[in-house]
Protein backbone atom coordinates (compact mmCIF):
# COMPACT_ATOMS: atom_id res chain seq x y z
CA UNK A 1 -176.50 -101.48 -53.92
CA UNK A 2 -177.17 -97.86 -54.27
CA UNK A 3 -179.72 -98.89 -57.41
CA UNK A 4 -181.73 -101.70 -55.59
CA UNK A 5 -182.54 -99.33 -52.47
CA UNK A 6 -183.73 -96.66 -54.34
CA UNK A 7 -186.54 -99.30 -56.52
CA UNK A 8 -187.15 -100.58 -53.28
CA UNK A 9 -187.80 -96.53 -51.79
CA UNK A 10 -189.62 -95.78 -54.99
CA UNK A 11 -191.60 -98.66 -54.78
CA UNK A 12 -192.69 -97.67 -51.14
CA UNK A 13 -193.87 -94.23 -52.17
CA UNK A 14 -195.60 -95.52 -54.58
CA UNK A 15 -197.66 -98.08 -52.74
CA UNK A 16 -198.27 -95.29 -49.86
CA UNK A 17 -199.08 -92.60 -52.53
CA UNK A 18 -201.63 -95.63 -53.98
CA UNK A 19 -202.87 -96.03 -50.47
CA UNK A 20 -203.42 -92.35 -49.48
CA UNK A 21 -205.22 -91.62 -53.10
CA UNK A 22 -207.54 -94.85 -52.65
CA UNK A 23 -208.66 -93.43 -49.29
CA UNK A 24 -209.25 -89.89 -50.49
CA UNK A 25 -211.47 -91.45 -53.00
CA UNK A 26 -213.00 -93.80 -50.16
CA UNK A 27 -214.37 -90.85 -48.31
CA UNK A 28 -216.85 -89.27 -51.01
CA UNK A 29 -218.33 -92.71 -52.38
CA UNK A 30 -219.03 -93.75 -48.54
CA UNK A 31 -220.88 -90.45 -48.14
CA UNK A 32 -222.90 -91.17 -51.96
CA UNK A 33 -224.01 -94.31 -50.89
CA UNK A 34 -225.19 -93.56 -47.24
CA UNK A 35 -227.51 -90.47 -48.90
CA UNK A 36 -228.55 -93.48 -51.24
CA UNK A 37 -229.36 -95.32 -48.43
CA UNK A 38 -231.01 -92.96 -46.84
CA UNK A 39 -233.05 -92.00 -49.98
CA UNK A 40 -234.22 -95.38 -50.36
CA UNK A 41 -235.43 -96.00 -46.29
CA UNK A 42 -236.79 -92.70 -46.33
CA UNK A 43 -238.85 -93.22 -49.34
CA UNK A 44 -240.05 -96.41 -48.17
CA UNK A 45 -241.05 -95.31 -44.32
CA UNK A 46 -242.80 -92.69 -47.01
CA UNK A 47 -244.92 -95.14 -48.31
CA UNK A 48 -245.59 -97.32 -45.29
CA UNK A 49 -246.67 -94.15 -43.65
CA UNK A 50 -249.31 -93.36 -46.15
CA UNK A 51 -250.26 -96.95 -46.44
CA UNK A 52 -250.44 -97.80 -43.09
CA UNK A 53 -250.68 -94.44 -41.54
CA UNK A 54 -254.28 -94.19 -44.05
CA UNK A 55 -255.78 -96.32 -41.84
CA UNK A 56 -255.88 -93.62 -38.93
CA UNK A 57 -256.01 -90.94 -40.58
CA UNK A 58 -251.82 -90.34 -40.37
CA UNK A 59 -250.53 -89.38 -44.11
CA UNK A 60 -247.80 -87.61 -45.55
CA UNK A 61 -248.31 -85.80 -48.50
CA UNK A 62 -245.02 -86.50 -51.05
CA UNK A 63 -243.95 -83.58 -52.72
CA UNK A 64 -239.93 -82.69 -53.76
CA UNK A 65 -239.59 -80.82 -50.51
CA UNK A 66 -240.58 -83.47 -48.44
CA UNK A 67 -239.05 -86.22 -50.35
CA UNK A 68 -235.73 -84.27 -50.19
CA UNK A 69 -236.12 -84.30 -46.12
CA UNK A 70 -237.04 -87.72 -46.08
CA UNK A 71 -233.94 -88.55 -48.43
CA UNK A 72 -231.23 -86.86 -46.80
CA UNK A 73 -232.57 -87.65 -43.14
CA UNK A 74 -234.35 -91.42 -44.00
CA UNK A 75 -236.34 -92.24 -40.76
CA UNK A 76 -235.45 -89.11 -38.31
CA UNK A 77 -236.71 -87.26 -41.51
CA UNK A 78 -239.83 -89.14 -41.73
CA UNK A 79 -240.31 -88.38 -37.67
CA UNK A 80 -240.12 -85.07 -38.47
CA UNK A 81 -242.29 -84.12 -41.00
CA UNK A 82 -245.14 -85.86 -39.22
CA UNK A 83 -243.96 -83.95 -35.83
CA UNK A 84 -243.82 -80.29 -38.28
CA UNK A 85 -247.37 -81.88 -39.65
CA UNK A 86 -249.23 -81.97 -36.78
CA UNK A 87 -247.19 -78.97 -34.90
CA UNK A 88 -248.18 -76.38 -37.76
């Protein structure tokens, strides 16, 4: 009876350990997916602002700094770039 209990305890500990390791590895993956998603949306927004805003003379120069801001922040980054362009 003691042998069976130790096997069940070892399996339970292994499952808990597997769950904890999976949860720890899932957090960085969520962050990376969010960063990629913001980058794609930010790039599309920069493109749309330049295409549609070009009619009214509203454009944002696409350089590495602006691409990074739009990539990390997404839509709020593009709005921030527009505001900074007209304030400065």
